[in-house]
N, C-alpha and C. Protein backbone atom coordinates (compact mmCIF):
# COMPACT_ATOMS: atom_id res chain seq x y z
N MET A 1 97.24 80.22 -41.49
CA MET A 1 96.74 81.14 -42.48
C MET A 1 96.31 82.47 -41.85
N LEU A 2 95.88 82.41 -40.60
CA LEU A 2 95.49 83.64 -39.93
C LEU A 2 96.70 84.56 -39.77
N ALA A 3 97.85 83.98 -39.45
CA ALA A 3 99.06 84.78 -39.29
C ALA A 3 99.45 85.45 -40.61
N LEU A 4 99.26 84.76 -41.73
CA LEU A 4 99.57 85.35 -43.03
C LEU A 4 98.64 86.51 -43.34
N ARG A 5 97.38 86.37 -42.99
CA ARG A 5 96.43 87.46 -43.22
C ARG A 5 96.78 88.68 -42.37
N ILE A 6 97.14 88.43 -41.12
CA ILE A 6 97.51 89.54 -40.25
C ILE A 6 98.77 90.23 -40.78
N ALA A 7 99.75 89.45 -41.24
CA ALA A 7 100.97 90.03 -41.81
C ALA A 7 100.66 90.86 -43.04
N ALA A 8 99.75 90.38 -43.88
CA ALA A 8 99.38 91.12 -45.08
C ALA A 8 98.69 92.43 -44.73
N ILE A 9 97.80 92.40 -43.76
CA ILE A 9 97.11 93.62 -43.34
C ILE A 9 98.10 94.62 -42.77
N LEU A 10 99.04 94.14 -41.95
CA LEU A 10 100.05 95.04 -41.39
C LEU A 10 100.94 95.65 -42.47
N ALA A 11 101.27 94.86 -43.48
CA ALA A 11 102.10 95.37 -44.58
C ALA A 11 101.35 96.45 -45.36
N VAL A 12 100.07 96.23 -45.61
CA VAL A 12 99.27 97.23 -46.34
C VAL A 12 99.15 98.50 -45.51
N LEU A 13 98.90 98.35 -44.21
CA LEU A 13 98.79 99.53 -43.35
C LEU A 13 100.11 100.30 -43.27
N ALA A 14 101.23 99.59 -43.17
CA ALA A 14 102.54 100.26 -43.09
C ALA A 14 102.85 100.98 -44.40
N THR A 15 102.52 100.36 -45.52
CA THR A 15 102.75 100.99 -46.82
C THR A 15 101.88 102.24 -46.96
N ALA A 16 100.62 102.13 -46.59
CA ALA A 16 99.72 103.29 -46.68
C ALA A 16 100.18 104.41 -45.74
N ALA A 17 100.62 104.05 -44.56
CA ALA A 17 101.10 105.06 -43.62
C ALA A 17 102.33 105.78 -44.16
N GLY A 18 103.23 105.03 -44.77
CA GLY A 18 104.41 105.64 -45.36
C GLY A 18 104.06 106.62 -46.47
N ILE A 19 103.10 106.24 -47.30
CA ILE A 19 102.68 107.12 -48.39
C ILE A 19 102.00 108.37 -47.85
N VAL A 20 101.14 108.21 -46.86
CA VAL A 20 100.45 109.36 -46.27
C VAL A 20 101.45 110.30 -45.60
N LEU A 21 102.40 109.74 -44.87
CA LEU A 21 103.42 110.58 -44.23
C LEU A 21 104.27 111.31 -45.27
N TYR A 22 104.55 110.65 -46.39
CA TYR A 22 105.29 111.33 -47.46
C TYR A 22 104.47 112.50 -48.01
N LEU A 23 103.18 112.28 -48.22
CA LEU A 23 102.34 113.35 -48.77
C LEU A 23 102.22 114.53 -47.80
N LEU A 24 102.26 114.24 -46.50
CA LEU A 24 102.14 115.31 -45.52
C LEU A 24 103.44 116.07 -45.31
N THR A 25 104.57 115.36 -45.34
CA THR A 25 105.85 116.00 -44.99
C THR A 25 106.76 116.23 -46.20
N ARG A 26 106.53 115.55 -47.29
CA ARG A 26 107.39 115.60 -48.49
C ARG A 26 108.81 115.10 -48.19
N ASP A 27 108.95 114.28 -47.15
CA ASP A 27 110.23 113.69 -46.81
C ASP A 27 110.31 112.33 -47.51
N ARG A 28 111.30 112.15 -48.37
CA ARG A 28 111.38 110.95 -49.21
C ARG A 28 111.69 109.68 -48.43
N LYS A 29 112.13 109.80 -47.17
CA LYS A 29 112.43 108.60 -46.40
C LYS A 29 111.16 107.79 -46.14
N TYR A 30 110.02 108.46 -46.03
CA TYR A 30 108.76 107.74 -45.83
C TYR A 30 108.34 106.99 -47.09
N LEU A 31 108.59 107.58 -48.24
CA LEU A 31 108.28 106.92 -49.50
C LEU A 31 109.20 105.72 -49.71
N ARG A 32 110.46 105.85 -49.35
CA ARG A 32 111.42 104.75 -49.43
C ARG A 32 111.00 103.61 -48.49
N PHE A 33 110.56 103.98 -47.28
CA PHE A 33 110.09 102.98 -46.32
C PHE A 33 108.87 102.23 -46.88
N ALA A 34 107.92 102.95 -47.44
CA ALA A 34 106.72 102.33 -48.00
C ALA A 34 107.09 101.38 -49.13
N PHE A 35 108.03 101.78 -49.98
CA PHE A 35 108.43 100.91 -51.08
C PHE A 35 109.13 99.66 -50.58
N GLN A 36 109.96 99.79 -49.56
CA GLN A 36 110.65 98.62 -49.02
C GLN A 36 109.67 97.64 -48.37
N VAL A 37 108.72 98.16 -47.62
CA VAL A 37 107.71 97.28 -47.01
C VAL A 37 106.93 96.56 -48.10
N PHE A 38 106.53 97.28 -49.13
CA PHE A 38 105.78 96.67 -50.24
C PHE A 38 106.62 95.62 -50.95
N LYS A 39 107.88 95.93 -51.21
CA LYS A 39 108.76 95.00 -51.93
C LYS A 39 108.93 93.70 -51.14
N TYR A 40 109.23 93.82 -49.85
CA TYR A 40 109.45 92.62 -49.05
C TYR A 40 108.16 91.84 -48.80
N ALA A 41 107.03 92.53 -48.76
CA ALA A 41 105.74 91.85 -48.62
C ALA A 41 105.44 91.02 -49.87
N VAL A 42 105.74 91.58 -51.04
CA VAL A 42 105.52 90.84 -52.28
C VAL A 42 106.45 89.63 -52.37
N ILE A 43 107.71 89.81 -51.99
CA ILE A 43 108.66 88.70 -52.00
C ILE A 43 108.19 87.60 -51.05
N PHE A 44 107.76 87.98 -49.85
CA PHE A 44 107.28 87.01 -48.87
C PHE A 44 106.05 86.27 -49.40
N ALA A 45 105.12 87.00 -50.01
CA ALA A 45 103.92 86.37 -50.55
C ALA A 45 104.26 85.39 -51.67
N LEU A 46 105.19 85.75 -52.53
CA LEU A 46 105.60 84.83 -53.61
C LEU A 46 106.25 83.58 -53.05
N LEU A 47 107.05 83.72 -52.01
CA LEU A 47 107.67 82.55 -51.37
C LEU A 47 106.62 81.63 -50.75
N VAL A 48 105.65 82.21 -50.08
CA VAL A 48 104.59 81.40 -49.46
C VAL A 48 103.77 80.69 -50.52
N PHE A 49 103.40 81.40 -51.57
CA PHE A 49 102.62 80.77 -52.63
C PHE A 49 103.42 79.70 -53.35
N GLY A 50 104.72 79.93 -53.51
CA GLY A 50 105.57 78.91 -54.11
C GLY A 50 105.63 77.66 -53.25
N LEU A 51 105.73 77.83 -51.95
CA LEU A 51 105.74 76.67 -51.05
C LEU A 51 104.40 75.93 -51.09
N LEU A 52 103.31 76.66 -51.19
CA LEU A 52 102.00 76.02 -51.29
C LEU A 52 101.89 75.21 -52.59
N LEU A 53 102.38 75.77 -53.69
CA LEU A 53 102.36 75.04 -54.96
C LEU A 53 103.26 73.80 -54.90
N LEU A 54 104.41 73.93 -54.28
CA LEU A 54 105.32 72.81 -54.12
C LEU A 54 104.68 71.71 -53.27
N GLU A 55 103.99 72.10 -52.23
CA GLU A 55 103.31 71.14 -51.38
C GLU A 55 102.24 70.37 -52.16
N ARG A 56 101.48 71.08 -52.96
CA ARG A 56 100.44 70.41 -53.76
C ARG A 56 101.04 69.49 -54.81
N ALA A 57 102.17 69.90 -55.38
CA ALA A 57 102.83 69.06 -56.38
C ALA A 57 103.36 67.79 -55.74
N ILE A 58 103.88 67.89 -54.53
CA ILE A 58 104.40 66.70 -53.84
C ILE A 58 103.25 65.76 -53.48
N VAL A 59 102.11 66.30 -53.08
CA VAL A 59 100.96 65.47 -52.73
C VAL A 59 100.45 64.71 -53.96
N LEU A 60 100.51 65.33 -55.13
CA LEU A 60 100.02 64.69 -56.35
C LEU A 60 100.92 63.53 -56.79
N VAL A 61 102.17 63.59 -56.43
CA VAL A 61 103.11 62.54 -56.86
C VAL A 61 103.02 61.34 -56.02
């Protein structure tokens, strides 16, 4: 679980850095980078939560 928290913090920091760099330079590649990091972080989080739910469902059976 510690690794997941560290990954989440890094994803938030990378997204924020991309947004800040976009605001400073107006270069859209930073905004695209921030969106991609956010998108893949959400997908990863949904997969992890799905696996946790599946694990609990298997334990109940």
